[in-house]
Amino acid sequence: VLLGWVLFRAVDLSAAGRLYGAMLGLGG
């Protein structure tokens, strides 16, 4: 459910992608 709320809250798909990437340790 938490992972789904990232999509729900993000302003667009790019922002959601950046947040998912950071959660996976891919944010640099």
mmCIF file of all heavy atoms, coordinates in Angstrom:
data_MODEL
# 
_entry.id   MODEL 
# 
loop_
_atom_site.group_PDB 
_atom_site.id 
_atom_site.type_symbol 
_atom_site.label_atom_id 
_atom_site.label_alt_id 
_atom_site.label_comp_id 
_atom_site.label_asym_id 
_atom_site.label_entity_id 
_atom_site.label_seq_id 
_atom_site.pdbx_PDB_ins_code 
_atom_site.Cartn_x 
_atom_site.Cartn_y 
_atom_site.Cartn_z 
_atom_site.occupancy 
_atom_site.B_iso_or_equiv 
_atom_site.pdbx_formal_charge 
_atom_site.auth_seq_id 
_atom_site.auth_comp_id 
_atom_site.auth_asym_id 
_atom_site.auth_atom_id 
_atom_site.pdbx_PDB_model_num 
ATOM 1   N N   . VAL A 1 1  ? 0.837  -1.197 0.000   1.00 0.00 ? 1  VAL A N   1 
ATOM 2   C CA  . VAL A 1 1  ? 0.000  0.000  0.000   1.00 0.00 ? 1  VAL A CA  1 
ATOM 3   C C   . VAL A 1 1  ? 0.873  1.248  0.000   1.00 0.00 ? 1  VAL A C   1 
ATOM 4   O O   . VAL A 1 1  ? 0.612  2.218  -0.723  1.00 0.00 ? 1  VAL A O   1 
ATOM 5   C CB  . VAL A 1 1  ? -0.960 -0.016 1.209   1.00 0.00 ? 1  VAL A CB  1 
ATOM 6   C CG1 . VAL A 1 1  ? -1.666 1.318  1.371   1.00 0.00 ? 1  VAL A CG1 1 
ATOM 7   C CG2 . VAL A 1 1  ? -1.990 -1.141 1.043   1.00 0.00 ? 1  VAL A CG2 1 
ATOM 8   N N   . LEU A 1 2  ? 1.939  1.249  0.817   1.00 0.00 ? 2  LEU A N   1 
ATOM 9   C CA  . LEU A 1 2  ? 2.862  2.389  0.881   1.00 0.00 ? 2  LEU A CA  1 
ATOM 10  C C   . LEU A 1 2  ? 3.466  2.678  -0.492  1.00 0.00 ? 2  LEU A C   1 
ATOM 11  O O   . LEU A 1 2  ? 3.540  3.839  -0.918  1.00 0.00 ? 2  LEU A O   1 
ATOM 12  C CB  . LEU A 1 2  ? 3.949  2.102  1.916   1.00 0.00 ? 2  LEU A CB  1 
ATOM 13  C CG  . LEU A 1 2  ? 5.032  3.162  2.135   1.00 0.00 ? 2  LEU A CG  1 
ATOM 14  C CD1 . LEU A 1 2  ? 5.526  3.122  3.583   1.00 0.00 ? 2  LEU A CD1 1 
ATOM 15  C CD2 . LEU A 1 2  ? 6.223  2.980  1.203   1.00 0.00 ? 2  LEU A CD2 1 
ATOM 16  N N   . LEU A 1 3  ? 3.873  1.646  -1.189  1.00 0.00 ? 3  LEU A N   1 
ATOM 17  C CA  . LEU A 1 3  ? 4.458  1.848  -2.521  1.00 0.00 ? 3  LEU A CA  1 
ATOM 18  C C   . LEU A 1 3  ? 3.436  2.476  -3.471  1.00 0.00 ? 3  LEU A C   1 
ATOM 19  O O   . LEU A 1 3  ? 3.776  3.312  -4.313  1.00 0.00 ? 3  LEU A O   1 
ATOM 20  C CB  . LEU A 1 3  ? 4.959  0.518  -3.076  1.00 0.00 ? 3  LEU A CB  1 
ATOM 21  C CG  . LEU A 1 3  ? 6.175  -0.088 -2.368  1.00 0.00 ? 3  LEU A CG  1 
ATOM 22  C CD1 . LEU A 1 3  ? 6.449  -1.495 -2.898  1.00 0.00 ? 3  LEU A CD1 1 
ATOM 23  C CD2 . LEU A 1 3  ? 7.408  0.797  -2.548  1.00 0.00 ? 3  LEU A CD2 1 
ATOM 24  N N   . GLY A 1 4  ? 2.185  2.080  -3.337  1.00 0.00 ? 4  GLY A N   1 
ATOM 25  C CA  . GLY A 1 4  ? 1.150  2.682  -4.173  1.00 0.00 ? 4  GLY A CA  1 
ATOM 26  C C   . GLY A 1 4  ? 0.907  4.144  -3.861  1.00 0.00 ? 4  GLY A C   1 
ATOM 27  O O   . GLY A 1 4  ? 0.654  4.949  -4.766  1.00 0.00 ? 4  GLY A O   1 
ATOM 28  N N   . TRP A 1 5  ? 1.012  4.519  -2.568  1.00 0.00 ? 5  TRP A N   1 
ATOM 29  C CA  . TRP A 1 5  ? 0.779  5.914  -2.201  1.00 0.00 ? 5  TRP A CA  1 
ATOM 30  C C   . TRP A 1 5  ? 1.813  6.859  -2.813  1.00 0.00 ? 5  TRP A C   1 
ATOM 31  O O   . TRP A 1 5  ? 1.552  8.053  -2.954  1.00 0.00 ? 5  TRP A O   1 
ATOM 32  C CB  . TRP A 1 5  ? 0.771  6.082  -0.682  1.00 0.00 ? 5  TRP A CB  1 
ATOM 33  C CG  . TRP A 1 5  ? -0.409 5.514  0.037   1.00 0.00 ? 5  TRP A CG  1 
ATOM 34  C CD1 . TRP A 1 5  ? -0.397 4.802  1.201   1.00 0.00 ? 5  TRP A CD1 1 
ATOM 35  C CD2 . TRP A 1 5  ? -1.800 5.622  -0.318  1.00 0.00 ? 5  TRP A CD2 1 
ATOM 36  N NE1 . TRP A 1 5  ? -1.670 4.445  1.586   1.00 0.00 ? 5  TRP A NE1 1 
ATOM 37  C CE2 . TRP A 1 5  ? -2.558 4.950  0.666   1.00 0.00 ? 5  TRP A CE2 1 
ATOM 38  C CE3 . TRP A 1 5  ? -2.470 6.209  -1.388  1.00 0.00 ? 5  TRP A CE3 1 
ATOM 39  C CZ2 . TRP A 1 5  ? -3.949 4.855  0.632   1.00 0.00 ? 5  TRP A CZ2 1 
ATOM 40  C CZ3 . TRP A 1 5  ? -3.868 6.118  -1.433  1.00 0.00 ? 5  TRP A CZ3 1 
ATOM 41  C CH2 . TRP A 1 5  ? -4.581 5.456  -0.438  1.00 0.00 ? 5  TRP A CH2 1 
ATOM 42  N N   . VAL A 1 6  ? 2.984  6.349  -3.173  1.00 0.00 ? 6  VAL A N   1 
ATOM 43  C CA  . VAL A 1 6  ? 3.978  7.199  -3.847  1.00 0.00 ? 6  VAL A CA  1 
ATOM 44  C C   . VAL A 1 6  ? 3.412  7.714  -5.165  1.00 0.00 ? 6  VAL A C   1 
ATOM 45  O O   . VAL A 1 6  ? 3.515  8.899  -5.491  1.00 0.00 ? 6  VAL A O   1 
ATOM 46  C CB  . VAL A 1 6  ? 5.288  6.421  -4.071  1.00 0.00 ? 6  VAL A CB  1 
ATOM 47  C CG1 . VAL A 1 6  ? 6.257  7.225  -4.948  1.00 0.00 ? 6  VAL A CG1 1 
ATOM 48  C CG2 . VAL A 1 6  ? 5.947  6.083  -2.740  1.00 0.00 ? 6  VAL A CG2 1 
ATOM 49  N N   . LEU A 1 7  ? 2.793  6.838  -5.937  1.00 0.00 ? 7  LEU A N   1 
ATOM 50  C CA  . LEU A 1 7  ? 2.132  7.256  -7.181  1.00 0.00 ? 7  LEU A CA  1 
ATOM 51  C C   . LEU A 1 7  ? 0.999  8.232  -6.896  1.00 0.00 ? 7  LEU A C   1 
ATOM 52  O O   . LEU A 1 7  ? 0.811  9.214  -7.620  1.00 0.00 ? 7  LEU A O   1 
ATOM 53  C CB  . LEU A 1 7  ? 1.571  6.036  -7.911  1.00 0.00 ? 7  LEU A CB  1 
ATOM 54  C CG  . LEU A 1 7  ? 2.440  5.329  -8.932  1.00 0.00 ? 7  LEU A CG  1 
ATOM 55  C CD1 . LEU A 1 7  ? 1.725  4.080  -9.440  1.00 0.00 ? 7  LEU A CD1 1 
ATOM 56  C CD2 . LEU A 1 7  ? 2.779  6.245  -10.101 1.00 0.00 ? 7  LEU A CD2 1 
ATOM 57  N N   . PHE A 1 8  ? 0.239  7.951  -5.871  1.00 0.00 ? 8  PHE A N   1 
ATOM 58  C CA  . PHE A 1 8  ? -0.928 8.757  -5.536  1.00 0.00 ? 8  PHE A CA  1 
ATOM 59  C C   . PHE A 1 8  ? -0.530 10.190 -5.186  1.00 0.00 ? 8  PHE A C   1 
ATOM 60  O O   . PHE A 1 8  ? -1.219 11.143 -5.537  1.00 0.00 ? 8  PHE A O   1 
ATOM 61  C CB  . PHE A 1 8  ? -1.636 8.101  -4.345  1.00 0.00 ? 8  PHE A CB  1 
ATOM 62  C CG  . PHE A 1 8  ? -3.013 8.622  -4.058  1.00 0.00 ? 8  PHE A CG  1 
ATOM 63  C CD1 . PHE A 1 8  ? -4.117 8.119  -4.724  1.00 0.00 ? 8  PHE A CD1 1 
ATOM 64  C CD2 . PHE A 1 8  ? -3.227 9.587  -3.090  1.00 0.00 ? 8  PHE A CD2 1 
ATOM 65  C CE1 . PHE A 1 8  ? -5.396 8.565  -4.447  1.00 0.00 ? 8  PHE A CE1 1 
ATOM 66  C CE2 . PHE A 1 8  ? -4.492 10.054 -2.788  1.00 0.00 ? 8  PHE A CE2 1 
ATOM 67  C CZ  . PHE A 1 8  ? -5.584 9.540  -3.481  1.00 0.00 ? 8  PHE A CZ  1 
ATOM 68  N N   . ARG A 1 9  ? 0.606  10.363 -4.505  1.00 0.00 ? 9  ARG A N   1 
ATOM 69  C CA  . ARG A 1 9  ? 1.029  11.679 -4.024  1.00 0.00 ? 9  ARG A CA  1 
ATOM 70  C C   . ARG A 1 9  ? 1.905  12.437 -5.016  1.00 0.00 ? 9  ARG A C   1 
ATOM 71  O O   . ARG A 1 9  ? 1.889  13.678 -5.052  1.00 0.00 ? 9  ARG A O   1 
ATOM 72  C CB  . ARG A 1 9  ? 1.778  11.506 -2.693  1.00 0.00 ? 9  ARG A CB  1 
ATOM 73  C CG  . ARG A 1 9  ? 2.464  12.758 -2.145  1.00 0.00 ? 9  ARG A CG  1 
ATOM 74  C CD  . ARG A 1 9  ? 1.464  13.853 -1.835  1.00 0.00 ? 9  ARG A CD  1 
ATOM 75  N NE  . ARG A 1 9  ? 2.098  14.993 -1.177  1.00 0.00 ? 9  ARG A NE  1 
ATOM 76  C CZ  . ARG A 1 9  ? 2.771  15.964 -1.821  1.00 0.00 ? 9  ARG A CZ  1 
ATOM 77  N NH1 . ARG A 1 9  ? 2.910  15.908 -3.138  1.00 0.00 ? 9  ARG A NH1 1 
ATOM 78  N NH2 . ARG A 1 9  ? 3.292  16.962 -1.138  1.00 0.00 ? 9  ARG A NH2 1 
ATOM 79  N N   . ALA A 1 10 ? 2.691  11.738 -5.815  1.00 0.00 ? 10 ALA A N   1 
ATOM 80  C CA  . ALA A 1 10 ? 3.649  12.394 -6.706  1.00 0.00 ? 10 ALA A CA  1 
ATOM 81  C C   . ALA A 1 10 ? 2.930  13.291 -7.712  1.00 0.00 ? 10 ALA A C   1 
ATOM 82  O O   . ALA A 1 10 ? 1.839  12.959 -8.196  1.00 0.00 ? 10 ALA A O   1 
ATOM 83  C CB  . ALA A 1 10 ? 4.473  11.352 -7.446  1.00 0.00 ? 10 ALA A CB  1 
ATOM 84  N N   . VAL A 1 11 ? 3.543  14.442 -8.040  1.00 0.00 ? 11 VAL A N   1 
ATOM 85  C CA  . VAL A 1 11 ? 2.904  15.385 -8.953  1.00 0.00 ? 11 VAL A CA  1 
ATOM 86  C C   . VAL A 1 11 ? 2.878  14.863 -10.382 1.00 0.00 ? 11 VAL A C   1 
ATOM 87  O O   . VAL A 1 11 ? 2.024  15.257 -11.181 1.00 0.00 ? 11 VAL A O   1 
ATOM 88  C CB  . VAL A 1 11 ? 3.604  16.760 -8.910  1.00 0.00 ? 11 VAL A CB  1 
ATOM 89  C CG1 . VAL A 1 11 ? 3.444  17.393 -7.549  1.00 0.00 ? 11 VAL A CG1 1 
ATOM 90  C CG2 . VAL A 1 11 ? 5.080  16.644 -9.276  1.00 0.00 ? 11 VAL A CG2 1 
ATOM 91  N N   . ASP A 1 12 ? 3.809  14.003 -10.735 1.00 0.00 ? 12 ASP A N   1 
ATOM 92  C CA  . ASP A 1 12 ? 3.823  13.420 -12.078 1.00 0.00 ? 12 ASP A CA  1 
ATOM 93  C C   . ASP A 1 12 ? 4.626  12.128 -12.042 1.00 0.00 ? 12 ASP A C   1 
ATOM 94  O O   . ASP A 1 12 ? 5.204  11.755 -11.007 1.00 0.00 ? 12 ASP A O   1 
ATOM 95  C CB  . ASP A 1 12 ? 4.385  14.395 -13.126 1.00 0.00 ? 12 ASP A CB  1 
ATOM 96  C CG  . ASP A 1 12 ? 5.758  14.941 -12.762 1.00 0.00 ? 12 ASP A CG  1 
ATOM 97  O OD1 . ASP A 1 12 ? 6.560  14.200 -12.162 1.00 0.00 ? 12 ASP A OD1 1 
ATOM 98  O OD2 . ASP A 1 12 ? 6.026  16.112 -13.070 1.00 0.00 ? 12 ASP A OD2 1 
ATOM 99  N N   . LEU A 1 13 ? 4.678  11.448 -13.169 1.00 0.00 ? 13 LEU A N   1 
ATOM 100 C CA  . LEU A 1 13 ? 5.365  10.162 -13.225 1.00 0.00 ? 13 LEU A CA  1 
ATOM 101 C C   . LEU A 1 13 ? 6.865  10.302 -13.035 1.00 0.00 ? 13 LEU A C   1 
ATOM 102 O O   . LEU A 1 13 ? 7.508  9.416  -12.455 1.00 0.00 ? 13 LEU A O   1 
ATOM 103 C CB  . LEU A 1 13 ? 5.060  9.487  -14.568 1.00 0.00 ? 13 LEU A CB  1 
ATOM 104 C CG  . LEU A 1 13 ? 3.598  9.103  -14.803 1.00 0.00 ? 13 LEU A CG  1 
ATOM 105 C CD1 . LEU A 1 13 ? 3.417  8.497  -16.186 1.00 0.00 ? 13 LEU A CD1 1 
ATOM 106 C CD2 . LEU A 1 13 ? 3.111  8.129  -13.736 1.00 0.00 ? 13 LEU A CD2 1 
ATOM 107 N N   . SER A 1 14 ? 7.437  11.419 -13.503 1.00 0.00 ? 14 SER A N   1 
ATOM 108 C CA  . SER A 1 14 ? 8.875  11.627 -13.328 1.00 0.00 ? 14 SER A CA  1 
ATOM 109 C C   . SER A 1 14 ? 9.233  11.738 -11.852 1.00 0.00 ? 14 SER A C   1 
ATOM 110 O O   . SER A 1 14 ? 10.220 11.150 -11.388 1.00 0.00 ? 14 SER A O   1 
ATOM 111 C CB  . SER A 1 14 ? 9.324  12.889 -14.075 1.00 0.00 ? 14 SER A CB  1 
ATOM 112 O OG  . SER A 1 14 ? 9.121  12.759 -15.458 1.00 0.00 ? 14 SER A OG  1 
ATOM 113 N N   . ALA A 1 15 ? 8.435  12.502 -11.095 1.00 0.00 ? 15 ALA A N   1 
ATOM 114 C CA  . ALA A 1 15 ? 8.684  12.641 -9.664  1.00 0.00 ? 15 ALA A CA  1 
ATOM 115 C C   . ALA A 1 15 ? 8.529  11.300 -8.958  1.00 0.00 ? 15 ALA A C   1 
ATOM 116 O O   . ALA A 1 15 ? 9.312  10.954 -8.064  1.00 0.00 ? 15 ALA A O   1 
ATOM 117 C CB  . ALA A 1 15 ? 7.739  13.675 -9.066  1.00 0.00 ? 15 ALA A CB  1 
ATOM 118 N N   . ALA A 1 16 ? 7.515  10.527 -9.352  1.00 0.00 ? 16 ALA A N   1 
ATOM 119 C CA  . ALA A 1 16 ? 7.331  9.205  -8.760  1.00 0.00 ? 16 ALA A CA  1 
ATOM 120 C C   . ALA A 1 16 ? 8.520  8.318  -9.058  1.00 0.00 ? 16 ALA A C   1 
ATOM 121 O O   . ALA A 1 16 ? 9.010  7.589  -8.178  1.00 0.00 ? 16 ALA A O   1 
ATOM 122 C CB  . ALA A 1 16 ? 6.045  8.573  -9.286  1.00 0.00 ? 16 ALA A CB  1 
ATOM 123 N N   . GLY A 1 17 ? 9.009  8.373  -10.291 1.00 0.00 ? 17 GLY A N   1 
ATOM 124 C CA  . GLY A 1 17 ? 10.168 7.577  -10.667 1.00 0.00 ? 17 GLY A CA  1 
ATOM 125 C C   . GLY A 1 17 ? 11.401 7.940  -9.861  1.00 0.00 ? 17 GLY A C   1 
ATOM 126 O O   . GLY A 1 17 ? 12.164 7.060  -9.441  1.00 0.00 ? 17 GLY A O   1 
ATOM 127 N N   . ARG A 1 18 ? 11.623 9.239  -9.643  1.00 0.00 ? 18 ARG A N   1 
ATOM 128 C CA  . ARG A 1 18 ? 12.778 9.656  -8.844  1.00 0.00 ? 18 ARG A CA  1 
ATOM 129 C C   . ARG A 1 18 ? 12.667 9.158  -7.406  1.00 0.00 ? 18 ARG A C   1 
ATOM 130 O O   . ARG A 1 18 ? 13.663 8.741  -6.800  1.00 0.00 ? 18 ARG A O   1 
ATOM 131 C CB  . ARG A 1 18 ? 12.906 11.182 -8.869  1.00 0.00 ? 18 ARG A CB  1 
ATOM 132 C CG  . ARG A 1 18 ? 13.586 11.721 -10.124 1.00 0.00 ? 18 ARG A CG  1 
ATOM 133 C CD  . ARG A 1 18 ? 13.897 13.197 -10.001 1.00 0.00 ? 18 ARG A CD  1 
ATOM 134 N NE  . ARG A 1 18 ? 12.695 14.020 -10.090 1.00 0.00 ? 18 ARG A NE  1 
ATOM 135 C CZ  . ARG A 1 18 ? 12.174 14.453 -11.239 1.00 0.00 ? 18 ARG A CZ  1 
ATOM 136 N NH1 . ARG A 1 18 ? 12.748 14.143 -12.388 1.00 0.00 ? 18 ARG A NH1 1 
ATOM 137 N NH2 . ARG A 1 18 ? 11.078 15.195 -11.245 1.00 0.00 ? 18 ARG A NH2 1 
ATOM 138 N N   . LEU A 1 19 ? 11.451 9.203  -6.865  1.00 0.00 ? 19 LEU A N   1 
ATOM 139 C CA  . LEU A 1 19 ? 11.283 8.756  -5.481  1.00 0.00 ? 19 LEU A CA  1 
ATOM 140 C C   . LEU A 1 19 ? 11.453 7.241  -5.374  1.00 0.00 ? 19 LEU A C   1 
ATOM 141 O O   . LEU A 1 19 ? 12.097 6.746  -4.433  1.00 0.00 ? 19 LEU A O   1 
ATOM 142 C CB  . LEU A 1 19 ? 9.908  9.176  -4.969  1.00 0.00 ? 19 LEU A CB  1 
ATOM 143 C CG  . LEU A 1 19 ? 9.730  9.184  -3.449  1.00 0.00 ? 19 LEU A CG  1 
ATOM 144 C CD1 . LEU A 1 19 ? 10.808 10.013 -2.771  1.00 0.00 ? 19 LEU A CD1 1 
ATOM 145 C CD2 . LEU A 1 19 ? 8.368  9.721  -3.079  1.00 0.00 ? 19 LEU A CD2 1 
ATOM 146 N N   . TYR A 1 20 ? 10.890 6.502  -6.316  1.00 0.00 ? 20 TYR A N   1 
ATOM 147 C CA  . TYR A 1 20 ? 11.088 5.055  -6.311  1.00 0.00 ? 20 TYR A CA  1 
ATOM 148 C C   . TYR A 1 20 ? 12.565 4.717  -6.449  1.00 0.00 ? 20 TYR A C   1 
ATOM 149 O O   . TYR A 1 20 ? 13.083 3.804  -5.786  1.00 0.00 ? 20 TYR A O   1 
ATOM 150 C CB  . TYR A 1 20 ? 10.298 4.401  -7.441  1.00 0.00 ? 20 TYR A CB  1 
ATOM 151 C CG  . TYR A 1 20 ? 8.817  4.256  -7.179  1.00 0.00 ? 20 TYR A CG  1 
ATOM 152 C CD1 . TYR A 1 20 ? 7.874  4.645  -8.140  1.00 0.00 ? 20 TYR A CD1 1 
ATOM 153 C CD2 . TYR A 1 20 ? 8.340  3.708  -5.995  1.00 0.00 ? 20 TYR A CD2 1 
ATOM 154 C CE1 . TYR A 1 20 ? 6.513  4.507  -7.918  1.00 0.00 ? 20 TYR A CE1 1 
ATOM 155 C CE2 . TYR A 1 20 ? 6.984  3.566  -5.763  1.00 0.00 ? 20 TYR A CE2 1 
ATOM 156 C CZ  . TYR A 1 20 ? 6.076  3.964  -6.727  1.00 0.00 ? 20 TYR A CZ  1 
ATOM 157 O OH  . TYR A 1 20 ? 4.726  3.816  -6.490  1.00 0.00 ? 20 TYR A OH  1 
ATOM 158 N N   . GLY A 1 21 ? 13.259 5.436  -7.315  1.00 0.00 ? 21 GLY A N   1 
ATOM 159 C CA  . GLY A 1 21 ? 14.689 5.195  -7.487  1.00 0.00 ? 21 GLY A CA  1 
ATOM 160 C C   . GLY A 1 21 ? 15.462 5.430  -6.211  1.00 0.00 ? 21 GLY A C   1 
ATOM 161 O O   . GLY A 1 21 ? 16.338 4.639  -5.835  1.00 0.00 ? 21 GLY A O   1 
ATOM 162 N N   . ALA A 1 22 ? 15.124 6.500  -5.506  1.00 0.00 ? 22 ALA A N   1 
ATOM 163 C CA  . ALA A 1 22 ? 15.800 6.789  -4.239  1.00 0.00 ? 22 ALA A CA  1 
ATOM 164 C C   . ALA A 1 22 ? 15.492 5.718  -3.204  1.00 0.00 ? 22 ALA A C   1 
ATOM 165 O O   . ALA A 1 22 ? 16.368 5.319  -2.414  1.00 0.00 ? 22 ALA A O   1 
ATOM 166 C CB  . ALA A 1 22 ? 15.377 8.159  -3.731  1.00 0.00 ? 22 ALA A CB  1 
ATOM 167 N N   . MET A 1 23 ? 14.261 5.215  -3.181  1.00 0.00 ? 23 MET A N   1 
ATOM 168 C CA  . MET A 1 23 ? 13.906 4.165  -2.233  1.00 0.00 ? 23 MET A CA  1 
ATOM 169 C C   . MET A 1 23 ? 14.679 2.887  -2.496  1.00 0.00 ? 23 MET A C   1 
ATOM 170 O O   . MET A 1 23 ? 14.945 2.102  -1.573  1.00 0.00 ? 23 MET A O   1 
ATOM 171 C CB  . MET A 1 23 ? 12.393 3.904  -2.298  1.00 0.00 ? 23 MET A CB  1 
ATOM 172 C CG  . MET A 1 23 ? 11.542 5.074  -1.820  1.00 0.00 ? 23 MET A CG  1 
ATOM 173 S SD  . MET A 1 23 ? 9.768  4.894  -2.172  1.00 0.00 ? 23 MET A SD  1 
ATOM 174 C CE  . MET A 1 23 ? 9.306  3.699  -0.907  1.00 0.00 ? 23 MET A CE  1 
ATOM 175 N N   . LEU A 1 24 ? 15.072 2.679  -3.740  1.00 0.00 ? 24 LEU A N   1 
ATOM 176 C CA  . LEU A 1 24 ? 15.863 1.499  -4.110  1.00 0.00 ? 24 LEU A CA  1 
ATOM 177 C C   . LEU A 1 24 ? 17.361 1.751  -4.021  1.00 0.00 ? 24 LEU A C   1 
ATOM 178 O O   . LEU A 1 24 ? 18.167 0.883  -4.350  1.00 0.00 ? 24 LEU A O   1 
ATOM 179 C CB  . LEU A 1 24 ? 15.499 1.052  -5.536  1.00 0.00 ? 24 LEU A CB  1 
ATOM 180 C CG  . LEU A 1 24 ? 14.078 0.526  -5.724  1.00 0.00 ? 24 LEU A CG  1 
ATOM 181 C CD1 . LEU A 1 24 ? 13.785 0.304  -7.203  1.00 0.00 ? 24 LEU A CD1 1 
ATOM 182 C CD2 . LEU A 1 24 ? 13.881 -0.778 -4.944  1.00 0.00 ? 24 LEU A CD2 1 
ATOM 183 N N   . GLY A 1 25 ? 17.745 2.953  -3.605  1.00 0.00 ? 25 GLY A N   1 
ATOM 184 C CA  . GLY A 1 25 ? 19.153 3.276  -3.488  1.00 0.00 ? 25 GLY A CA  1 
ATOM 185 C C   . GLY A 1 25 ? 19.794 3.710  -4.784  1.00 0.00 ? 25 GLY A C   1 
ATOM 186 O O   . GLY A 1 25 ? 21.030 3.692  -4.906  1.00 0.00 ? 25 GLY A O   1 
ATOM 187 N N   . LEU A 1 26 ? 18.968 4.123  -5.744  1.00 0.00 ? 26 LEU A N   1 
ATOM 188 C CA  . LEU A 1 26 ? 19.485 4.515  -7.061  1.00 0.00 ? 26 LEU A CA  1 
ATOM 189 C C   . LEU A 1 26 ? 19.543 6.025  -7.232  1.00 0.00 ? 26 LEU A C   1 
ATOM 190 O O   . LEU A 1 26 ? 19.716 6.506  -8.343  1.00 0.00 ? 26 LEU A O   1 
ATOM 191 C CB  . LEU A 1 26 ? 18.596 3.916  -8.163  1.00 0.00 ? 26 LEU A CB  1 
ATOM 192 C CG  . LEU A 1 26 ? 18.395 2.396  -8.108  1.00 0.00 ? 26 LEU A CG  1 
ATOM 193 C CD1 . LEU A 1 26 ? 17.439 1.947  -9.210  1.00 0.00 ? 26 LEU A CD1 1 
ATOM 194 C CD2 . LEU A 1 26 ? 19.736 1.674  -8.234  1.00 0.00 ? 26 LEU A CD2 1 
ATOM 195 N N   . GLY A 1 27 ? 19.393 6.772  -6.128  1.00 0.00 ? 27 GLY A N   1 
ATOM 196 C CA  . GLY A 1 27 ? 19.343 8.228  -6.234  1.00 0.00 ? 27 GLY A CA  1 
ATOM 197 C C   . GLY A 1 27 ? 20.685 8.907  -6.213  1.00 0.00 ? 27 GLY A C   1 
ATOM 198 O O   . GLY A 1 27 ? 20.782 10.125 -6.341  1.00 0.00 ? 27 GLY A O   1 
ATOM 199 N N   . GLY A 1 28 ? 21.744 8.157  -6.007  1.00 0.00 ? 28 GLY A N   1 
ATOM 200 C CA  . GLY A 1 28 ? 23.072 8.756  -6.053  1.00 0.00 ? 28 GLY A CA  1 
ATOM 201 C C   . GLY A 1 28 ? 23.458 9.522  -4.804  1.00 0.00 ? 28 GLY A C   1 
ATOM 202 O O   . GLY A 1 28 ? 24.342 10.359 -4.832  1.00 0.00 ? 28 GLY A O   1 
# 
